[in-house]
Amino acid sequence: MSDHIDTLKKLHTRLIDSRDGYRESRKQVSDEAAFVGFFDQRIAEREKFHTELHRQLGVDGVDVSEEGSAAASAHRGWLKLRDAVTGDNEAVYDEIINGESALVENYDDAIKATAGRPGYEFLTEQRASVQRAIDEAKAEKARHAVA
């Protein structure tokens, strides 16, 4: 399999992990309005991004799994435990920023791997949206630190 397909499959899996992570986190923060809105936006966005990438991979004849990674599942379990113990909003924003930053790196790899290949232009806008989510999380973290 070519490197660009492997890179796109990694991004596809990472989008599933991200969506599922936000879904799980959303269940845990149903009483915190700031997180609910942020998480709902990310869930919808990740679902859209996943669908766009999945569709384009299908056009290219690539079969992809709809399962997330085992590592992400374990990470979500650890976050749930830590959050229950600490109740630390700043730590939650740190995890959001870390996860989104890793996703940006996946996008950077995918954009590089698909340079000059038709059909993957949407990756650049998706990456920009993930970067905006990082910026939003950083601003919220700073706002909560001051409050």
N, C-alpha and C. Protein backbone atom coordinates (compact mmCIF):
# COMPACT_ATOMS: atom_id res chain seq x y z
N MET A 1 0.85 -1.18 0.00
CA MET A 1 0.00 0.00 0.00
C MET A 1 0.90 1.24 0.00
N SER A 2 0.47 2.26 -0.70
CA SER A 2 1.30 3.45 -0.81
C SER A 2 1.28 4.24 0.50
N ASP A 3 2.33 5.03 0.67
CA ASP A 3 2.48 5.82 1.89
C ASP A 3 1.32 6.80 2.09
N HIS A 4 0.84 7.40 1.00
CA HIS A 4 -0.24 8.37 1.17
C HIS A 4 -1.52 7.69 1.66
N ILE A 5 -1.77 6.47 1.24
CA ILE A 5 -2.95 5.75 1.71
C ILE A 5 -2.79 5.40 3.19
N ASP A 6 -1.62 4.94 3.59
CA ASP A 6 -1.38 4.65 5.01
C ASP A 6 -1.58 5.90 5.86
N THR A 7 -1.07 7.02 5.38
CA THR A 7 -1.20 8.29 6.11
C THR A 7 -2.67 8.69 6.22
N LEU A 8 -3.42 8.54 5.15
CA LEU A 8 -4.85 8.89 5.17
C LEU A 8 -5.64 7.94 6.06
N LYS A 9 -5.27 6.67 6.07
CA LYS A 9 -5.94 5.73 6.97
C LYS A 9 -5.68 6.08 8.43
N LYS A 10 -4.48 6.53 8.73
CA LYS A 10 -4.17 6.97 10.10
C LYS A 10 -5.03 8.17 10.49
N LEU A 11 -5.15 9.13 9.57
CA LEU A 11 -5.99 10.29 9.83
C LEU A 11 -7.44 9.86 10.02
N HIS A 12 -7.92 8.96 9.19
CA HIS A 12 -9.29 8.46 9.29
C HIS A 12 -9.53 7.85 10.67
N THR A 13 -8.62 7.01 11.12
CA THR A 13 -8.75 6.40 12.45
C THR A 13 -8.70 7.46 13.53
N ARG A 14 -7.83 8.43 13.38
CA ARG A 14 -7.69 9.50 14.38
C ARG A 14 -8.96 10.35 14.46
N LEU A 15 -9.63 10.55 13.33
CA LEU A 15 -10.89 11.29 13.35
C LEU A 15 -11.97 10.51 14.10
N ILE A 16 -12.00 9.21 13.91
CA ILE A 16 -12.95 8.36 14.65
C ILE A 16 -12.63 8.45 16.14
N ASP A 17 -11.35 8.34 16.48
CA ASP A 17 -10.94 8.44 17.89
C ASP A 17 -11.35 9.78 18.49
N SER A 18 -11.14 10.85 17.73
CA SER A 18 -11.47 12.19 18.21
C SER A 18 -12.97 12.33 18.44
N ARG A 19 -13.75 11.93 17.45
CA ARG A 19 -15.21 11.99 17.58
C ARG A 19 -15.69 11.18 18.79
N ASP A 20 -15.20 9.94 18.91
CA ASP A 20 -15.62 9.08 20.01
C ASP A 20 -15.17 9.63 21.36
N GLY A 21 -13.99 10.23 21.39
CA GLY A 21 -13.50 10.83 22.62
C GLY A 21 -14.37 12.00 23.06
N TYR A 22 -14.76 12.83 22.11
CA TYR A 22 -15.65 13.94 22.45
C TYR A 22 -17.03 13.44 22.88
N ARG A 23 -17.51 12.38 22.22
CA ARG A 23 -18.81 11.82 22.62
C ARG A 23 -18.76 11.32 24.07
N GLU A 24 -17.71 10.60 24.40
CA GLU A 24 -17.57 10.08 25.76
C GLU A 24 -17.42 11.22 26.76
N SER A 25 -16.61 12.20 26.42
CA SER A 25 -16.42 13.35 27.31
C SER A 25 -17.72 14.12 27.48
N ARG A 26 -18.49 14.23 26.41
CA ARG A 26 -19.77 14.96 26.45
C ARG A 26 -20.70 14.34 27.50
N LYS A 27 -20.70 13.02 27.60
CA LYS A 27 -21.53 12.33 28.58
C LYS A 27 -21.13 12.70 30.01
N GLN A 28 -19.85 12.97 30.20
CA GLN A 28 -19.33 13.23 31.52
C GLN A 28 -19.54 14.66 32.00
N VAL A 29 -19.84 15.58 31.07
CA VAL A 29 -19.92 17.00 31.45
C VAL A 29 -21.28 17.61 31.17
N SER A 30 -22.31 16.81 31.25
CA SER A 30 -23.64 17.29 30.87
C SER A 30 -24.11 18.48 31.69
N ASP A 31 -23.48 18.72 32.84
CA ASP A 31 -23.91 19.85 33.67
C ASP A 31 -22.99 21.06 33.55
N GLU A 32 -22.04 21.04 32.64
CA GLU A 32 -21.11 22.17 32.47
C GLU A 32 -21.28 22.75 31.07
N ALA A 33 -22.02 23.86 31.01
CA ALA A 33 -22.42 24.45 29.73
C ALA A 33 -21.24 24.77 28.81
N ALA A 34 -20.15 25.26 29.36
CA ALA A 34 -19.00 25.63 28.52
C ALA A 34 -18.46 24.42 27.76
N PHE A 35 -18.36 23.30 28.44
CA PHE A 35 -17.84 22.09 27.80
C PHE A 35 -18.88 21.48 26.86
N VAL A 36 -20.14 21.51 27.24
CA VAL A 36 -21.19 20.90 26.42
C VAL A 36 -21.18 21.50 25.02
N GLY A 37 -21.20 22.82 24.92
CA GLY A 37 -21.21 23.47 23.62
C GLY A 37 -19.96 23.16 22.80
N PHE A 38 -18.81 23.22 23.46
CA PHE A 38 -17.55 22.93 22.78
C PHE A 38 -17.54 21.50 22.27
N PHE A 39 -17.92 20.56 23.12
CA PHE A 39 -17.90 19.14 22.75
C PHE A 39 -18.92 18.86 21.65
N ASP A 40 -20.11 19.44 21.74
CA ASP A 40 -21.11 19.23 20.69
C ASP A 40 -20.61 19.71 19.33
N GLN A 41 -19.94 20.86 19.33
CA GLN A 41 -19.37 21.38 18.08
C GLN A 41 -18.33 20.41 17.52
N ARG A 42 -17.45 19.92 18.38
CA ARG A 42 -16.39 19.04 17.92
C ARG A 42 -16.95 17.70 17.43
N ILE A 43 -17.96 17.18 18.10
CA ILE A 43 -18.57 15.91 17.67
C ILE A 43 -19.12 16.07 16.25
N ALA A 44 -19.89 17.12 16.01
CA ALA A 44 -20.47 17.35 14.68
C ALA A 44 -19.38 17.57 13.64
N GLU A 45 -18.39 18.33 14.01
CA GLU A 45 -17.29 18.63 13.09
C GLU A 45 -16.51 17.36 12.74
N ARG A 46 -16.18 16.57 13.74
CA ARG A 46 -15.42 15.34 13.48
C ARG A 46 -16.21 14.36 12.64
N GLU A 47 -17.52 14.29 12.88
CA GLU A 47 -18.36 13.41 12.07
C GLU A 47 -18.34 13.86 10.61
N LYS A 48 -18.44 15.17 10.40
CA LYS A 48 -18.39 15.72 9.04
C LYS A 48 -17.03 15.44 8.39
N PHE A 49 -15.96 15.68 9.13
CA PHE A 49 -14.62 15.46 8.59
C PHE A 49 -14.41 13.99 8.25
N HIS A 50 -14.84 13.12 9.15
CA HIS A 50 -14.72 11.68 8.92
C HIS A 50 -15.47 11.28 7.66
N THR A 51 -16.70 11.78 7.50
CA THR A 51 -17.52 11.43 6.35
C THR A 51 -16.86 11.89 5.05
N GLU A 52 -16.33 13.12 5.04
CA GLU A 52 -15.65 13.63 3.84
C GLU A 52 -14.45 12.77 3.47
N LEU A 53 -13.62 12.45 4.46
CA LEU A 53 -12.43 11.65 4.18
C LEU A 53 -12.82 10.23 3.78
N HIS A 54 -13.79 9.66 4.47
CA HIS A 54 -14.24 8.30 4.17
C HIS A 54 -14.76 8.22 2.73
N ARG A 55 -15.54 9.22 2.36
CA ARG A 55 -16.10 9.26 1.00
C ARG A 55 -14.98 9.33 -0.05
N GLN A 56 -13.99 10.19 0.18
CA GLN A 56 -12.91 10.33 -0.80
C GLN A 56 -12.05 9.06 -0.87
N LEU A 57 -11.80 8.45 0.26
CA LEU A 57 -11.06 7.19 0.25
C LEU A 57 -11.83 6.13 -0.55
N GLY A 58 -13.14 6.12 -0.38
CA GLY A 58 -13.97 5.18 -1.14
C GLY A 58 -13.89 5.44 -2.64
N VAL A 59 -13.89 6.72 -3.04
CA VAL A 59 -13.74 7.07 -4.45
C VAL A 59 -12.43 6.51 -4.99
N ASP A 60 -11.40 6.52 -4.15
CA ASP A 60 -10.09 6.00 -4.55
C ASP A 60 -9.97 4.49 -4.39
N GLY A 61 -11.07 3.84 -4.01
CA GLY A 61 -11.07 2.39 -3.90
C GLY A 61 -10.40 1.85 -2.64
N VAL A 62 -10.30 2.69 -1.62
CA VAL A 62 -9.65 2.28 -0.38
C VAL A 62 -10.71 1.88 0.64
N ASP A 63 -10.56 0.68 1.18
CA ASP A 63 -11.46 0.19 2.22
C ASP A 63 -10.85 0.55 3.57
N VAL A 64 -11.64 1.17 4.45
CA VAL A 64 -11.13 1.59 5.76
C VAL A 64 -12.02 1.06 6.86
N SER A 65 -11.42 0.81 7.99
CA SER A 65 -12.14 0.34 9.16
C SER A 65 -12.90 1.48 9.80
N GLU A 66 -14.03 1.17 10.38
CA GLU A 66 -14.81 2.15 11.11
C GLU A 66 -14.54 2.06 12.61
N GLU A 67 -13.53 1.34 12.99
CA GLU A 67 -13.13 1.20 14.38
C GLU A 67 -12.06 2.23 14.71
N GLY A 68 -12.12 2.76 15.90
CA GLY A 68 -11.05 3.62 16.37
C GLY A 68 -9.89 2.76 16.85
N SER A 69 -8.88 3.39 17.38
CA SER A 69 -7.71 2.65 17.85
C SER A 69 -7.89 2.21 19.29
N ALA A 70 -7.24 1.13 19.66
CA ALA A 70 -7.27 0.63 21.04
C ALA A 70 -6.62 1.63 21.99
N ALA A 71 -5.58 2.28 21.54
CA ALA A 71 -4.87 3.25 22.38
C ALA A 71 -5.80 4.40 22.77
N ALA A 72 -6.63 4.86 21.85
CA ALA A 72 -7.55 5.96 22.16
C ALA A 72 -8.58 5.53 23.18
N SER A 73 -9.06 4.32 23.06
CA SER A 73 -10.04 3.82 24.03
C SER A 73 -9.45 3.79 25.43
N ALA A 74 -8.23 3.33 25.55
CA ALA A 74 -7.56 3.29 26.86
C ALA A 74 -7.34 4.71 27.38
N HIS A 75 -6.98 5.63 26.50
CA HIS A 75 -6.74 7.02 26.89
C HIS A 75 -8.02 7.66 27.42
N ARG A 76 -9.15 7.40 26.75
CA ARG A 76 -10.42 7.96 27.22
C ARG A 76 -10.76 7.43 28.61
N GLY A 77 -10.49 6.17 28.87
CA GLY A 77 -10.73 5.61 30.19
C GLY A 77 -9.89 6.28 31.26
N TRP A 78 -8.64 6.56 30.94
CA TRP A 78 -7.75 7.24 31.88
C TRP A 78 -8.25 8.65 32.15
N LEU A 79 -8.68 9.35 31.11
CA LEU A 79 -9.20 10.71 31.29
C LEU A 79 -10.42 10.73 32.19
N LYS A 80 -11.31 9.77 31.99
CA LYS A 80 -12.52 9.71 32.80
C LYS A 80 -12.17 9.54 34.27
N LEU A 81 -11.23 8.66 34.56
CA LEU A 81 -10.81 8.43 35.94
C LEU A 81 -10.17 9.68 36.51
N ARG A 82 -9.25 10.28 35.77
CA ARG A 82 -8.56 11.46 36.26
C ARG A 82 -9.52 12.61 36.52
N ASP A 83 -10.46 12.81 35.59
CA ASP A 83 -11.41 13.90 35.75
C ASP A 83 -12.32 13.70 36.96
N ALA A 84 -12.69 12.47 37.20
CA ALA A 84 -13.53 12.18 38.37
C ALA A 84 -12.80 12.50 39.66
N VAL A 85 -11.51 12.27 39.66
CA VAL A 85 -10.70 12.50 40.86
C VAL A 85 -10.37 13.97 41.04
N THR A 86 -9.97 14.64 39.96
CA THR A 86 -9.46 16.00 40.10
C THR A 86 -10.51 17.09 39.92
N GLY A 87 -11.48 16.87 39.01
CA GLY A 87 -12.44 17.92 38.71
C GLY A 87 -11.77 19.19 38.23
N ASP A 88 -10.64 19.09 37.56
CA ASP A 88 -9.80 20.20 37.17
C ASP A 88 -10.08 20.62 35.73
N ASN A 89 -10.82 21.73 35.54
CA ASN A 89 -11.13 22.19 34.19
C ASN A 89 -9.88 22.51 33.40
N GLU A 90 -8.87 23.07 34.06
CA GLU A 90 -7.63 23.41 33.36
C GLU A 90 -6.99 22.15 32.76
N ALA A 91 -7.03 21.06 33.50
CA ALA A 91 -6.48 19.79 33.01
C ALA A 91 -7.29 19.27 31.82
N VAL A 92 -8.59 19.48 31.85
CA VAL A 92 -9.43 19.07 30.71
C VAL A 92 -9.03 19.86 29.47
N TYR A 93 -8.86 21.17 29.61
CA TYR A 93 -8.43 21.98 28.46
C TYR A 93 -7.05 21.56 27.98
N ASP A 94 -6.15 21.22 28.89
CA ASP A 94 -4.83 20.72 28.49
C ASP A 94 -4.96 19.47 27.62
N GLU A 95 -5.84 18.56 28.03
CA GLU A 95 -6.04 17.33 27.25
C GLU A 95 -6.65 17.62 25.89
N ILE A 96 -7.59 18.56 25.85
CA ILE A 96 -8.17 18.95 24.56
C ILE A 96 -7.08 19.50 23.65
N ILE A 97 -6.27 20.39 24.17
CA ILE A 97 -5.21 21.02 23.39
C ILE A 97 -4.21 19.96 22.92
N ASN A 98 -3.84 19.05 23.79
CA ASN A 98 -2.90 17.98 23.40
C ASN A 98 -3.48 17.10 22.31
N GLY A 99 -4.73 16.69 22.48
CA GLY A 99 -5.36 15.83 21.48
C GLY A 99 -5.53 16.52 20.14
N GLU A 100 -5.97 17.77 20.17
CA GLU A 100 -6.15 18.52 18.93
C GLU A 100 -4.82 18.79 18.25
N SER A 101 -3.78 19.04 19.03
CA SER A 101 -2.45 19.27 18.46
C SER A 101 -1.94 18.02 17.74
N ALA A 102 -2.19 16.86 18.33
CA ALA A 102 -1.81 15.61 17.67
C ALA A 102 -2.59 15.42 16.38
N LEU A 103 -3.86 15.82 16.38
CA LEU A 103 -4.67 15.72 15.17
C LEU A 103 -4.14 16.65 14.08
N VAL A 104 -3.71 17.85 14.46
CA VAL A 104 -3.11 18.78 13.48
C VAL A 104 -1.89 18.13 12.84
N GLU A 105 -1.07 17.44 13.64
CA GLU A 105 0.10 16.75 13.08
C GLU A 105 -0.32 15.69 12.07
N ASN A 106 -1.41 14.96 12.36
CA ASN A 106 -1.92 13.99 11.40
C ASN A 106 -2.35 14.68 10.11
N TYR A 107 -3.00 15.83 10.25
CA TYR A 107 -3.39 16.59 9.06
C TYR A 107 -2.18 17.06 8.28
N ASP A 108 -1.17 17.55 8.97
CA ASP A 108 0.04 18.00 8.27
C ASP A 108 0.63 16.87 7.44
N ASP A 109 0.70 15.68 8.03
CA ASP A 109 1.22 14.51 7.31
C ASP A 109 0.35 14.18 6.10
N ALA A 110 -0.97 14.22 6.29
CA ALA A 110 -1.89 13.88 5.21
C ALA A 110 -1.84 14.91 4.08
N ILE A 111 -1.76 16.17 4.43
CA ILE A 111 -1.69 17.22 3.42
C ILE A 111 -0.40 17.08 2.60
N LYS A 112 0.68 16.81 3.28
CA LYS A 112 1.95 16.59 2.59
C LYS A 112 1.88 15.36 1.68
N ALA A 113 1.29 14.28 2.21
CA ALA A 113 1.23 13.02 1.46
C ALA A 113 0.32 13.10 0.23
N THR A 114 -0.66 14.00 0.27
CA THR A 114 -1.61 14.09 -0.84
C THR A 114 -1.35 15.29 -1.75
N ALA A 115 -0.26 15.99 -1.52
CA ALA A 115 0.07 17.15 -2.36
C ALA A 115 0.07 16.75 -3.83
N GLY A 116 -0.70 17.49 -4.63
CA GLY A 116 -0.77 17.21 -6.06
C GLY A 116 -1.76 16.12 -6.43
N ARG A 117 -2.39 15.49 -5.45
CA ARG A 117 -3.39 14.45 -5.74
C ARG A 117 -4.78 15.09 -5.70
N PRO A 118 -5.57 14.87 -6.73
CA PRO A 118 -6.90 15.48 -6.75
C PRO A 118 -7.83 14.84 -5.72
N GLY A 119 -8.75 15.66 -5.21
CA GLY A 119 -9.80 15.14 -4.33
C GLY A 119 -9.58 15.36 -2.85
N TYR A 120 -8.38 15.76 -2.46
CA TYR A 120 -8.08 15.89 -1.03
C TYR A 120 -7.88 17.34 -0.59
N GLU A 121 -8.34 18.28 -1.38
CA GLU A 121 -8.17 19.69 -1.06
C GLU A 121 -8.86 20.07 0.25
N PHE A 122 -9.91 19.35 0.60
CA PHE A 122 -10.67 19.63 1.81
C PHE A 122 -9.85 19.47 3.09
N LEU A 123 -8.75 18.74 3.02
CA LEU A 123 -7.92 18.52 4.21
C LEU A 123 -7.38 19.82 4.79
N THR A 124 -7.06 20.77 3.93
CA THR A 124 -6.51 22.04 4.40
C THR A 124 -7.52 22.81 5.25
N GLU A 125 -8.77 22.85 4.81
CA GLU A 125 -9.81 23.55 5.59
C GLU A 125 -10.11 22.79 6.88
N GLN A 126 -10.13 21.47 6.81
CA GLN A 126 -10.35 20.69 8.03
C GLN A 126 -9.25 20.98 9.05
N ARG A 127 -8.01 21.02 8.59
CA ARG A 127 -6.89 21.31 9.49
C ARG A 127 -7.05 22.68 10.13
N ALA A 128 -7.45 23.66 9.33
CA ALA A 128 -7.64 25.02 9.85
C ALA A 128 -8.72 25.02 10.94
N SER A 129 -9.75 24.25 10.75
CA SER A 129 -10.82 24.17 11.74
C SER A 129 -10.32 23.55 13.05
N VAL A 130 -9.49 22.53 12.95
CA VAL A 130 -8.91 21.92 14.15
C VAL A 130 -8.01 22.93 14.86
N GLN A 131 -7.27 23.70 14.11
CA GLN A 131 -6.42 24.73 14.71
C GLN A 131 -7.27 25.77 15.44
N ARG A 132 -8.41 26.13 14.85
CA ARG A 132 -9.31 27.07 15.53
C ARG A 132 -9.84 26.48 16.84
N ALA A 133 -10.07 25.18 16.87
CA ALA A 133 -10.52 24.52 18.10
C ALA A 133 -9.43 24.60 19.17
N ILE A 134 -8.18 24.45 18.77
CA ILE A 134 -7.06 24.60 19.71
C ILE A 134 -7.05 26.01 20.27
N ASP A 135 -7.17 27.00 19.39
CA ASP A 135 -7.16 28.39 19.81
C ASP A 135 -8.32 28.68 20.77
N GLU A 136 -9.49 28.12 20.48
CA GLU A 136 -10.65 28.30 21.35
C GLU A 136 -10.41 27.65 22.71
N ALA A 137 -9.84 26.46 22.73
CA ALA A 137 -9.56 25.77 24.00
C ALA A 137 -8.53 26.55 24.81
N LYS A 138 -7.52 27.09 24.15
CA LYS A 138 -6.52 27.89 24.86
C LYS A 138 -7.14 29.15 25.46
N ALA A 139 -8.03 29.78 24.71
CA ALA A 139 -8.70 30.99 25.22
C ALA A 139 -9.59 30.66 26.41
N GLU A 140 -10.32 29.56 26.32
CA GLU A 140 -11.18 29.15 27.44
C GLU A 140 -10.35 28.78 28.68
N LYS A 141 -9.25 28.12 28.45
CA LYS A 141 -8.36 27.76 29.57
C LYS A 141 -7.88 29.03 30.25
N ALA A 142 -7.46 30.01 29.48
CA ALA A 142 -6.97 31.27 30.03
C ALA A 142 -8.09 32.01 30.76
N ARG A 143 -9.28 31.98 30.20
CA ARG A 143 -10.42 32.66 30.83
C ARG A 143 -10.75 32.02 32.18
N HIS A 144 -10.71 30.69 32.25
CA HIS A 144 -11.00 29.99 33.49
C HIS A 144 -9.88 30.20 34.53
N ALA A 145 -8.67 30.36 34.04
CA ALA A 145 -7.54 30.57 34.97
C ALA A 145 -7.66 31.92 35.67
N VAL A 146 -8.22 32.90 34.97
CA VAL A 146 -8.38 34.25 35.52
C VAL A 146 -9.58 34.31 36.47
N ALA A 147 -10.60 33.54 36.16
CA ALA A 147 -11.86 33.61 36.93
C ALA A 147 -11.71 33.09 38.35
